[in-house]
Amino acid sequence: MDGMRGYRGWRWIFILEGTLTCVVAISFFFLLPDFPEDAKWLTEEERAYVRARLRVDQGRSAAERPITLRDIGNVFKDYKVILGGFMYFGLIVPAYGYAYFSPGIIKNYGYSNIETQLHSVPPWAAAFAFAMLIAWGSDKTRHRFAFAIFPMCVCIAGFAILLSVYEKAYRKTEYAALFLVAMGAYSAMPVVVCWFQMNLGGHHRRAVGSAWQVGYGNIGGIIAVYAFLAKDAPRYIPGYSICLAFVCLSMISCVIYLIGVMYANRIRDRSATNVGLTETEKTEMGDMSPDYRYLL
């Protein structure tokens, strides 16, 4: 398709993939139900089972009441919600930076165009396998913090190697460091998202909180675009340094968030749960209810 209608082949790749994404997204708007009780392809027994599972994870949702501006304002009064955005934001920069610029980085190792494309695949494959392992371990132990911090440490180790090693004799070491970057960044992100959103009780807080985390976090993609400039090739010291700093930002945010949820759990354990609130009021409070306990 190179040259068709005046467009180069690489442009057609983006056009076709983007068009397919838009078509699928539009169709999913009509196909995907908003809530389990709206799923027409489930039996009544299956819908009741899914509702019960969700209630165990997050309590009652209060999905029947529309979200108001007051609800949104109340969500952002909780500092833990703000931290959730920074937890994700700090990982988006290295993740996008790697996705955008890893072929150019690998090409600087002396590979041809075809060899560059071939060598860009193994880090993604390793990242997929490592992410599955981390996800399995986190779900098995029902713990999130350690399974978010460990991949971040792996990512930091990768950037530390890239910053300190640059010699032709150490090309394999630099290439191995890219494995660590991809494995760490792309394994920590889903754990951070899962941890934060599972700790948002109720439909209103989860809807607003998840939109905030993903929406604000993806602003990091703008930073990533300008982190790896052509004038900094082939070492890309500023780019690696920026990514390393943002991973540290995410790690610090996770530690503060952990302290916050542990403190909240401890206060609720020591306080009386029967404080005169009705079930409806507790439902409206979501994870701010005295009965709610956060996942660590």
C-alpha atoms as a PDB file:
ATOM      1  CA  MET A   1       0.000   0.000   0.000  1.00  0.00           C
ATOM      2  CA  ASP A   2       3.051   2.254  -0.022  1.00  0.00           C
ATOM      3  CA  GLY A   3       2.208   5.264  -2.222  1.00  0.00           C
ATOM      4  CA  MET A   4      -1.527   4.533  -2.401  1.00  0.00           C
ATOM      5  CA  ARG A   5      -3.484   7.825  -2.425  1.00  0.00           C
ATOM      6  CA  GLY A   6      -0.234   9.632  -1.729  1.00  0.00           C
ATOM      7  CA  TYR A   7       0.394   8.031   1.668  1.00  0.00           C
ATOM      8  CA  ARG A   8       3.466   6.087   2.707  1.00  0.00           C
ATOM      9  CA  GLY A   9       3.090   2.534   3.958  1.00  0.00           C
ATOM     10  CA  TRP A  10       3.717   3.405   7.603  1.00  0.00           C
ATOM     11  CA  ARG A  11       0.902   5.950   7.497  1.00  0.00           C
ATOM     12  CA  TRP A  12      -1.508   3.292   6.232  1.00  0.00           C
ATOM     13  CA  ILE A  13      -0.609   1.112   9.228  1.00  0.00           C
ATOM     14  CA  PHE A  14      -1.780   3.840  11.598  1.00  0.00           C
ATOM     15  CA  ILE A  15      -4.882   4.583   9.485  1.00  0.00           C
ATOM     16  CA  LEU A  16      -6.016   0.957   9.318  1.00  0.00           C
ATOM     17  CA  GLU A  17      -5.281   0.147  12.948  1.00  0.00           C
ATOM     18  CA  GLY A  18      -6.873   3.385  14.127  1.00  0.00           C
ATOM     19  CA  THR A  19      -9.987   2.843  12.019  1.00  0.00           C
ATOM     20  CA  LEU A  20     -10.422  -0.691  13.361  1.00  0.00           C
ATOM     21  CA  THR A  21     -10.004   0.577  16.943  1.00  0.00           C
ATOM     22  CA  CYS A  22     -12.672   3.254  16.420  1.00  0.00           C
ATOM     23  CA  VAL A  23     -15.135   0.808  14.846  1.00  0.00           C
ATOM     24  CA  VAL A  24     -14.680  -1.719  17.650  1.00  0.00           C
ATOM     25  CA  ALA A  25     -14.976   1.018  20.305  1.00  0.00           C
ATOM     26  CA  ILE A  26     -18.251   2.294  18.828  1.00  0.00           C
ATOM     27  CA  SER A  27     -19.696  -1.220  18.626  1.00  0.00           C
ATOM     28  CA  PHE A  28     -18.709  -1.956  22.227  1.00  0.00           C
ATOM     29  CA  PHE A  29     -20.667   1.091  23.373  1.00  0.00           C
ATOM     30  CA  PHE A  30     -23.818  -0.771  22.332  1.00  0.00           C
ATOM     31  CA  LEU A  31     -22.677  -4.332  23.073  1.00  0.00           C
ATOM     32  CA  LEU A  32     -21.102  -4.074  26.522  1.00  0.00           C
ATOM     33  CA  PRO A  33     -23.543  -3.744  29.450  1.00  0.00           C
ATOM     34  CA  ASP A  34     -22.901  -1.056  32.065  1.00  0.00           C
ATOM     35  CA  PHE A  35     -23.674  -3.374  34.975  1.00  0.00           C
ATOM     36  CA  PRO A  36     -24.048  -7.159  35.447  1.00  0.00           C
ATOM     37  CA  GLU A  37     -27.792  -6.824  35.990  1.00  0.00           C
ATOM     38  CA  ASP A  38     -28.070  -5.301  32.497  1.00  0.00           C
ATOM     39  CA  ALA A  39     -26.316  -8.186  30.706  1.00  0.00           C
ATOM     40  CA  LYS A  40     -28.975  -9.810  28.531  1.00  0.00           C
ATOM     41  CA  TRP A  41     -26.717 -12.733  27.623  1.00  0.00           C
ATOM     42  CA  LEU A  42     -26.539 -13.909  31.256  1.00  0.00           C
ATOM     43  CA  THR A  43     -29.221 -15.939  32.968  1.00  0.00           C
ATOM     44  CA  GLU A  44     -30.886 -14.529  36.074  1.00  0.00           C
ATOM     45  CA  GLU A  45     -28.923 -16.999  38.203  1.00  0.00           C
ATOM     46  CA  GLU A  46     -25.633 -15.906  36.611  1.00  0.00           C
ATOM     47  CA  ARG A  47     -26.455 -12.228  37.137  1.00  0.00           C
ATOM     48  CA  ALA A  48     -27.214 -12.862  40.795  1.00  0.00           C
ATOM     49  CA  TYR A  49     -23.892 -14.702  41.173  1.00  0.00           C
ATOM     50  CA  VAL A  50     -21.897 -11.857  39.573  1.00  0.00           C
ATOM     51  CA  ARG A  51     -23.671  -9.264  41.738  1.00  0.00           C
ATOM     52  CA  ALA A  52     -22.791 -11.278  44.836  1.00  0.00           C
ATOM     53  CA  ARG A  53     -19.126 -11.535  43.787  1.00  0.00           C
ATOM     54  CA  LEU A  54     -18.913  -7.790  43.188  1.00  0.00           C
ATOM     55  CA  ARG A  55     -20.592  -7.074  46.506  1.00  0.00           C
ATOM     56  CA  VAL A  56     -17.939  -9.100  48.314  1.00  0.00           C
ATOM     57  CA  ASP A  57     -15.162  -7.127  46.566  1.00  0.00           C
ATOM     58  CA  GLN A  58     -16.581  -3.604  46.795  1.00  0.00           C
ATOM     59  CA  GLY A  59     -19.810  -3.667  48.758  1.00  0.00           C
ATOM     60  CA  ARG A  60     -23.051  -2.250  47.427  1.00  0.00           C
ATOM     61  CA  SER A  61     -22.547   0.069  44.467  1.00  0.00           C
ATOM     62  CA  ALA A  62     -25.442   2.577  44.513  1.00  0.00           C
ATOM     63  CA  ALA A  63     -25.404   2.312  40.729  1.00  0.00           C
ATOM     64  CA  GLU A  64     -29.084   3.188  40.537  1.00  0.00           C
ATOM     65  CA  ARG A  65     -28.399   6.870  41.409  1.00  0.00           C
ATOM     66  CA  PRO A  66     -26.809   9.139  38.760  1.00  0.00           C
ATOM     67  CA  ILE A  67     -23.470  10.791  39.548  1.00  0.00           C
ATOM     68  CA  THR A  68     -23.664  14.498  40.363  1.00  0.00           C
ATOM     69  CA  LEU A  69     -21.040  17.248  40.490  1.00  0.00           C
ATOM     70  CA  ARG A  70     -21.254  17.078  44.259  1.00  0.00           C
ATOM     71  CA  ASP A  71     -20.316  13.393  44.112  1.00  0.00           C
ATOM     72  CA  ILE A  72     -17.278  14.248  41.996  1.00  0.00           C
ATOM     73  CA  GLY A  73     -16.182  16.946  44.408  1.00  0.00           C
ATOM     74  CA  ASN A  74     -16.562  14.610  47.383  1.00  0.00           C
ATOM     75  CA  VAL A  75     -14.372  11.991  45.703  1.00  0.00           C
ATOM     76  CA  PHE A  76     -11.513  14.454  45.227  1.00  0.00           C
ATOM     77  CA  LYS A  77     -11.612  15.449  48.887  1.00  0.00           C
ATOM     78  CA  ASP A  78      -9.912  12.118  49.580  1.00  0.00           C
ATOM     79  CA  TYR A  79      -6.136  12.512  49.175  1.00  0.00           C
ATOM     80  CA  LYS A  80      -5.802   8.806  48.356  1.00  0.00           C
ATOM     81  CA  VAL A  81      -7.655   9.427  45.102  1.00  0.00           C
ATOM     82  CA  ILE A  82      -5.090  12.068  44.103  1.00  0.00           C
ATOM     83  CA  LEU A  83      -2.288   9.623  44.916  1.00  0.00           C
ATOM     84  CA  GLY A  84      -3.876   7.052  42.624  1.00  0.00           C
ATOM     85  CA  GLY A  85      -3.351   9.387  39.679  1.00  0.00           C
ATOM     86  CA  PHE A  86       0.333   9.902  40.502  1.00  0.00           C
ATOM     87  CA  MET A  87       0.882   6.159  40.991  1.00  0.00           C
ATOM     88  CA  TYR A  88      -0.166   5.571  37.384  1.00  0.00           C
ATOM     89  CA  PHE A  89       1.243   8.831  35.977  1.00  0.00           C
ATOM     90  CA  GLY A  90       4.774   7.919  37.093  1.00  0.00           C
ATOM     91  CA  LEU A  91       4.670   4.638  35.162  1.00  0.00           C
ATOM     92  CA  ILE A  92       3.144   5.998  31.975  1.00  0.00           C
ATOM     93  CA  VAL A  93       6.227   8.084  31.158  1.00  0.00           C
ATOM     94  CA  PRO A  94       8.692   5.147  31.013  1.00  0.00           C
ATOM     95  CA  ALA A  95       6.080   2.856  29.461  1.00  0.00           C
ATOM     96  CA  TYR A  96       5.274   5.258  26.627  1.00  0.00           C
ATOM     97  CA  GLY A  97       8.896   6.249  26.299  1.00  0.00           C
ATOM     98  CA  TYR A  98       9.868   2.631  25.757  1.00  0.00           C
ATOM     99  CA  ALA A  99       6.977   1.976  23.369  1.00  0.00           C
ATOM    100  CA  TYR A 100       7.765   5.032  21.234  1.00  0.00           C
ATOM    101  CA  PHE A 101      11.548   4.991  21.181  1.00  0.00           C
ATOM    102  CA  SER A 102      12.795   1.437  21.805  1.00  0.00           C
ATOM    103  CA  PRO A 103      13.234   0.725  18.049  1.00  0.00           C
ATOM    104  CA  GLY A 104      15.411   3.824  17.704  1.00  0.00           C
ATOM    105  CA  ILE A 105      17.418   2.881  20.785  1.00  0.00           C
ATOM    106  CA  ILE A 106      17.946  -0.665  19.526  1.00  0.00           C
ATOM    107  CA  LYS A 107      18.941   0.595  16.077  1.00  0.00           C
ATOM    108  CA  ASN A 108      21.767   2.563  17.693  1.00  0.00           C
ATOM    109  CA  TYR A 109      23.258  -0.763  18.768  1.00  0.00           C
ATOM    110  CA  GLY A 110      24.305  -1.286  15.154  1.00  0.00           C
ATOM    111  CA  TYR A 111      21.424  -3.376  13.816  1.00  0.00           C
ATOM    112  CA  SER A 112      19.845  -3.051  10.387  1.00  0.00           C
ATOM    113  CA  ASN A 113      16.185  -2.055  10.021  1.00  0.00           C
ATOM    114  CA  ILE A 114      15.010  -5.672   9.847  1.00  0.00           C
ATOM    115  CA  GLU A 115      17.269  -6.726  12.730  1.00  0.00           C
ATOM    116  CA  THR A 116      15.977  -3.801  14.776  1.00  0.00           C
ATOM    117  CA  GLN A 117      12.377  -4.940  14.318  1.00  0.00           C
ATOM    118  CA  LEU A 118      13.296  -8.523  15.215  1.00  0.00           C
ATOM    119  CA  HIS A 119      15.228  -7.467  18.327  1.00  0.00           C
ATOM    120  CA  SER A 120      12.358  -5.268  19.507  1.00  0.00           C
ATOM    121  CA  VAL A 121      10.058  -8.288  19.946  1.00  0.00           C
ATOM    122  CA  PRO A 122      11.792 -10.323  22.736  1.00  0.00           C
ATOM    123  CA  PRO A 123      11.522  -7.554  25.414  1.00  0.00           C
ATOM    124  CA  TRP A 124       7.767  -7.369  24.802  1.00  0.00           C
ATOM    125  CA  ALA A 125       7.465 -11.138  25.071  1.00  0.00           C
ATOM    126  CA  ALA A 126       9.445 -11.142  28.329  1.00  0.00           C
ATOM    127  CA  ALA A 127       7.278  -8.299  29.651  1.00  0.00           C
ATOM    128  CA  PHE A 128       4.130 -10.286  28.867  1.00  0.00           C
ATOM    129  CA  ALA A 129       5.392 -13.405  30.662  1.00  0.00           C
ATOM    130  CA  PHE A 130       6.601 -11.410  33.680  1.00  0.00           C
ATOM    131  CA  ALA A 131       3.315  -9.474  33.878  1.00  0.00           C
ATOM    132  CA  MET A 132       1.340 -12.734  33.903  1.00  0.00           C
ATOM    133  CA  LEU A 133       3.548 -14.090  36.684  1.00  0.00           C
ATOM    134  CA  ILE A 134       3.171 -10.925  38.771  1.00  0.00           C
ATOM    135  CA  ALA A 135      -0.599 -10.878  38.208  1.00  0.00           C
ATOM    136  CA  TRP A 136      -0.924 -14.517  39.244  1.00  0.00           C
ATOM    137  CA  GLY A 137       1.120 -13.987  42.402  1.00  0.00           C
ATOM    138  CA  SER A 138      -0.770 -10.836  43.345  1.00  0.00           C
ATOM    139  CA  ASP A 139      -4.143 -12.495  42.858  1.00  0.00           C
ATOM    140  CA  LYS A 140      -3.052 -15.650  44.654  1.00  0.00           C
ATOM    141  CA  THR A 141      -1.913 -13.761  47.752  1.00  0.00           C
ATOM    142  CA  ARG A 142      -4.571 -11.000  47.494  1.00  0.00           C
ATOM    143  CA  HIS A 143      -1.801  -8.463  47.979  1.00  0.00           C
ATOM    144  CA  ARG A 144      -0.870  -5.574  45.696  1.00  0.00           C
ATOM    145  CA  PHE A 145       1.823  -3.332  47.171  1.00  0.00           C
ATOM    146  CA  ALA A 146       4.790  -5.742  47.012  1.00  0.00           C
ATOM    147  CA  PHE A 147       3.775  -6.878  43.532  1.00  0.00           C
ATOM    148  CA  ALA A 148       3.780  -3.266  42.359  1.00  0.00           C
ATOM    149  CA  ILE A 149       7.022  -2.224  44.022  1.00  0.00           C
ATOM    150  CA  PHE A 150       9.088  -5.221  42.875  1.00  0.00           C
ATOM    151  CA  PRO A 151       8.499  -4.593  39.127  1.00  0.00           C
ATOM    152  CA  MET A 152       9.293  -0.913  39.708  1.00  0.00           C
ATOM    153  CA  CYS A 153      12.635  -1.951  41.211  1.00  0.00           C
ATOM    154  CA  VAL A 154      13.267  -4.092  38.119  1.00  0.00           C
ATOM    155  CA  CYS A 155      12.481  -1.093  35.908  1.00  0.00           C
ATOM    156  CA  ILE A 156      14.780   1.168  37.937  1.00  0.00           C
ATOM    157  CA  ALA A 157      17.579  -1.390  37.623  1.00  0.00           C
ATOM    158  CA  GLY A 158      17.150  -1.340  33.840  1.00  0.00           C
ATOM    159  CA  PHE A 159      17.390   2.438  33.609  1.00  0.00           C
ATOM    160  CA  ALA A 160      20.357   2.474  35.996  1.00  0.00           C
ATOM    161  CA  ILE A 161      22.228   0.111  33.673  1.00  0.00           C
ATOM    162  CA  LEU A 162      21.345   2.180  30.611  1.00  0.00           C
ATOM    163  CA  LEU A 163      22.587   5.336  32.324  1.00  0.00           C
ATOM    164  CA  SER A 164      25.882   3.851  33.490  1.00  0.00           C
ATOM    165  CA  VAL A 165      26.869   1.527  30.651  1.00  0.00           C
ATOM    166  CA  TYR A 166      27.631   2.636  27.112  1.00  0.00           C
ATOM    167  CA  GLU A 167      30.384   0.849  25.263  1.00  0.00           C
ATOM    168  CA  LYS A 168      30.353  -1.255  22.137  1.00  0.00           C
ATOM    169  CA  ALA A 169      31.581  -4.214  24.168  1.00  0.00           C
ATOM    170  CA  TYR A 170      28.514  -3.958  26.436  1.00  0.00           C
ATOM    171  CA  ARG A 171      25.800  -3.861  23.768  1.00  0.00           C
ATOM    172  CA  LYS A 172      24.292  -7.107  25.071  1.00  0.00           C
ATOM    173  CA  THR A 173      24.161  -5.642  28.568  1.00  0.00           C
ATOM    174  CA  GLU A 174      22.328  -2.573  27.297  1.00  0.00           C
ATOM    175  CA  TYR A 175      19.950  -4.777  25.342  1.00  0.00           C
ATOM    176  CA  ALA A 176      19.307  -6.842  28.484  1.00  0.00           C
ATOM    177  CA  ALA A 177      18.556  -3.620  30.358  1.00  0.00           C
ATOM    178  CA  LEU A 178      15.740  -2.920  27.900  1.00  0.00           C
ATOM    179  CA  PHE A 179      14.214  -6.228  28.980  1.00  0.00           C
ATOM    180  CA  LEU A 180      14.238  -5.026  32.583  1.00  0.00           C
ATOM    181  CA  VAL A 181      12.656  -1.692  31.645  1.00  0.00           C
ATOM    182  CA  ALA A 182       9.833  -3.300  29.676  1.00  0.00           C
ATOM    183  CA  MET A 183       9.238  -6.068  32.220  1.00  0.00           C
ATOM    184  CA  GLY A 184       9.161  -3.653  35.128  1.00  0.00           C
ATOM    185  CA  ALA A 185       7.042  -0.857  33.663  1.00  0.00           C
ATOM    186  CA  TYR A 186       4.440  -3.026  31.978  1.00  0.00           C
ATOM    187  CA  SER A 187       4.067  -5.381  34.962  1.00  0.00           C
ATOM    188  CA  ALA A 188       3.697  -2.639  37.585  1.00  0.00           C
ATOM    189  CA  MET A 189       1.057  -0.653  35.684  1.00  0.00           C
ATOM    190  CA  PRO A 190      -1.783  -3.210  35.779  1.00  0.00           C
ATOM    191  CA  VAL A 191      -1.133  -3.962  39.454  1.00  0.00           C
ATOM    192  CA  VAL A 192      -1.261  -0.264  40.340  1.00  0.00           C
ATOM    193  CA  VAL A 193      -4.501   0.220  38.404  1.00  0.00           C
ATOM    194  CA  CYS A 194      -6.085  -2.896  39.915  1.00  0.00           C
ATOM    195  CA  TRP A 195      -4.984  -2.009  43.450  1.00  0.00           C
ATOM    196  CA  PHE A 196      -6.326   1.524  43.337  1.00  0.00           C
ATOM    197  CA  GLN A 197      -9.609   0.753  41.610  1.00  0.00           C
ATOM    198  CA  MET A 198     -10.425  -2.261  43.764  1.00  0.00           C
ATOM    199  CA  ASN A 199     -10.030   0.010  46.790  1.00  0.00           C
ATOM    200  CA  LEU A 200     -12.702   2.357  45.460  1.00  0.00           C
ATOM    201  CA  GLY A 201     -15.978   1.206  46.961  1.00  0.00           C
ATOM    202  CA  GLY A 202     -19.291   2.031  45.353  1.00  0.00           C
ATOM    203  CA  HIS A 203     -20.183   2.931  41.788  1.00  0.00           C
ATOM    204  CA  HIS A 204     -19.726   6.687  42.152  1.00  0.00           C
ATOM    205  CA  ARG A 205     -16.278   6.666  43.733  1.00  0.00           C
ATOM    206  CA  ARG A 206     -15.025   3.942  41.413  1.00  0.00           C
ATOM    207  CA  ALA A 207     -16.330   5.677  38.284  1.00  0.00           C
ATOM    208  CA  VAL A 208     -14.802   9.044  39.180  1.00  0.00           C
ATOM    209  CA  GLY A 209     -11.599   7.607  40.651  1.00  0.00           C
ATOM    210  CA  SER A 210     -10.861   5.296  37.724  1.00  0.00           C
ATOM    211  CA  ALA A 211     -11.502   8.096  35.217  1.00  0.00           C
ATOM    212  CA  TRP A 212      -9.148  10.359  37.169  1.00  0.00           C
ATOM    213  CA  GLN A 213      -6.383   7.782  37.409  1.00  0.00           C
ATOM    214  CA  VAL A 214      -6.406   6.777  33.752  1.00  0.00           C
ATOM    215  CA  GLY A 215      -7.147  10.265  32.408  1.00  0.00           C
ATOM    216  CA  TYR A 216      -4.519  12.075  34.457  1.00  0.00           C
ATOM    217  CA  GLY A 217      -1.989   9.262  34.207  1.00  0.00           C
ATOM    218  CA  ASN A 218      -1.995   9.250  30.425  1.00  0.00           C
ATOM    219  CA  ILE A 219      -0.857  12.870  30.386  1.00  0.00           C
ATOM    220  CA  GLY A 220       2.541  11.278  30.999  1.00  0.00           C
ATOM    221  CA  GLY A 221       2.511  10.279  27.334  1.00  0.00           C
ATOM    222  CA  ILE A 222       3.039  13.945  26.423  1.00  0.00           C
ATOM    223  CA  ILE A 223       6.164  14.043  28.562  1.00  0.00           C
ATOM    224  CA  ALA A 224       7.450  10.796  27.088  1.00  0.00           C
ATOM    225  CA  VAL A 225       7.289  12.196  23.545  1.00  0.00           C
ATOM    226  CA  TYR A 226       9.747  14.964  24.437  1.00  0.00           C
ATOM    227  CA  ALA A 227      12.000  12.889  26.689  1.00  0.00           C
ATOM    228  CA  PHE A 228      14.010  11.157  23.966  1.00  0.00           C
ATOM    229  CA  LEU A 229      15.239  13.822  21.545  1.00  0.00           C
ATOM    230  CA  ALA A 230      17.362  13.153  18.471  1.00  0.00           C
ATOM    231  CA  LYS A 231      20.092  15.468  19.763  1.00  0.00           C
ATOM    232  CA  ASP A 232      20.535  13.206  22.803  1.00  0.00           C
ATOM    233  CA  ALA A 233      21.213  10.078  20.732  1.00  0.00           C
ATOM    234  CA  PRO A 234      22.731   7.596  21.110  1.00  0.00           C
ATOM    235  CA  ARG A 235      23.006   7.686  24.923  1.00  0.00           C
ATOM    236  CA  TYR A 236      19.695   9.432  25.689  1.00  0.00           C
ATOM    237  CA  ILE A 237      20.862  10.423  29.170  1.00  0.00           C
ATOM    238  CA  PRO A 238      18.050  13.010  29.677  1.00  0.00           C
ATOM    239  CA  GLY A 239      15.407  10.536  28.517  1.00  0.00           C
ATOM    240  CA  TYR A 240      16.591   7.727  30.790  1.00  0.00           C
ATOM    241  CA  SER A 241      16.925  10.150  33.696  1.00  0.00           C
ATOM    242  CA  ILE A 242      13.394  11.496  33.225  1.00  0.00           C
ATOM    243  CA  CYS A 243      11.943   7.990  33.084  1.00  0.00           C
ATOM    244  CA  LEU A 244      13.904   6.930  36.160  1.00  0.00           C
ATOM    245  CA  ALA A 245      12.639   9.962  38.086  1.00  0.00           C
ATOM    246  CA  PHE A 246       9.029   9.232  37.205  1.00  0.00           C
ATOM    247  CA  VAL A 247       9.299   5.582  38.257  1.00  0.00           C
ATOM    248  CA  CYS A 248      10.585   6.851  41.607  1.00  0.00           C
ATOM    249  CA  LEU A 249       7.600   9.241  41.759  1.00  0.00           C
ATOM    250  CA  SER A 250       5.260   6.293  41.259  1.00  0.00           C
ATOM    251  CA  MET A 251       7.059   4.271  43.910  1.00  0.00           C
ATOM    252  CA  ILE A 252       6.876   7.101  46.458  1.00  0.00           C
ATOM    253  CA  SER A 253       3.177   7.582  45.684  1.00  0.00           C
ATOM    254  CA  CYS A 254       2.568   3.855  46.236  1.00  0.00           C
ATOM    255  CA  VAL A 255       4.335   3.952  49.602  1.00  0.00           C
ATOM    256  CA  ILE A 256       2.296   6.964  50.756  1.00  0.00           C
ATOM    257  CA  TYR A 257      -0.889   5.297  49.484  1.00  0.00           C
ATOM    258  CA  LEU A 258      -0.024   2.101  51.389  1.00  0.00           C
ATOM    259  CA  ILE A 259       0.502   4.078  54.582  1.00  0.00           C
ATOM    260  CA  GLY A 260      -2.809   5.842  53.998  1.00  0.00           C
ATOM    261  CA  VAL A 261      -4.892   2.686  53.526  1.00  0.00           C
ATOM    262  CA  MET A 262      -3.153   0.896  56.411  1.00  0.00           C
ATOM    263  CA  TYR A 263      -3.864   3.857  58.677  1.00  0.00           C
ATOM    264  CA  ALA A 264      -7.506   3.947  57.554  1.00  0.00           C
ATOM    265  CA  ASN A 265      -7.912   0.212  58.205  1.00  0.00           C
ATOM    266  CA  ARG A 266      -6.325   0.518  61.655  1.00  0.00           C
ATOM    267  CA  ILE A 267      -8.564   3.434  62.631  1.00  0.00           C
ATOM    268  CA  ARG A 268     -11.665   1.534  61.524  1.00  0.00           C
ATOM    269  CA  ASP A 269     -10.575  -1.610  63.350  1.00  0.00           C
ATOM    270  CA  ARG A 270     -10.294   0.388  66.570  1.00  0.00           C
ATOM    271  CA  SER A 271     -13.521   2.318  66.094  1.00  0.00           C
ATOM    272  CA  ALA A 272     -17.080   1.145  66.501  1.00  0.00           C
ATOM    273  CA  THR A 273     -18.724   0.143  63.230  1.00  0.00           C
ATOM    274  CA  ASN A 274     -22.250   0.633  64.550  1.00  0.00           C
ATOM    275  CA  VAL A 275     -22.378   4.437  64.449  1.00  0.00           C
ATOM    276  CA  GLY A 276     -26.024   4.808  63.541  1.00  0.00           C
ATOM    277  CA  LEU A 277     -25.581   4.786  59.766  1.00  0.00           C
ATOM    278  CA  THR A 278     -28.223   3.107  57.639  1.00  0.00           C
ATOM    279  CA  GLU A 279     -27.293   0.618  54.909  1.00  0.00           C
ATOM    280  CA  THR A 280     -28.229   3.228  52.326  1.00  0.00           C
ATOM    281  CA  GLU A 281     -25.850   5.768  53.873  1.00  0.00           C
ATOM    282  CA  LYS A 282     -23.045   3.211  54.015  1.00  0.00           C
ATOM    283  CA  THR A 283     -23.656   2.373  50.370  1.00  0.00           C
ATOM    284  CA  GLU A 284     -23.408   6.044  49.417  1.00  0.00           C
ATOM    285  CA  MET A 285     -20.117   6.365  51.343  1.00  0.00           C
ATOM    286  CA  GLY A 286     -18.499   3.525  49.398  1.00  0.00           C
ATOM    287  CA  ASP A 287     -14.985   2.813  50.680  1.00  0.00           C
ATOM    288  CA  MET A 288     -15.346   5.658  53.183  1.00  0.00           C
ATOM    289  CA  SER A 289     -17.833   3.540  55.109  1.00  0.00           C
ATOM    290  CA  PRO A 290     -16.620   2.389  58.566  1.00  0.00           C
ATOM    291  CA  ASP A 291     -17.335  -1.208  57.494  1.00  0.00           C
ATOM    292  CA  TYR A 292     -14.991  -1.051  54.490  1.00  0.00           C
ATOM    293  CA  ARG A 293     -11.449  -2.435  54.657  1.00  0.00           C
ATOM    294  CA  TYR A 294      -8.820  -1.575  52.034  1.00  0.00           C
ATOM    295  CA  LEU A 295      -6.731  -4.153  50.197  1.00  0.00           C
ATOM    296  CA  LEU A 296      -3.006  -3.747  50.849  1.00  0.00           C
END
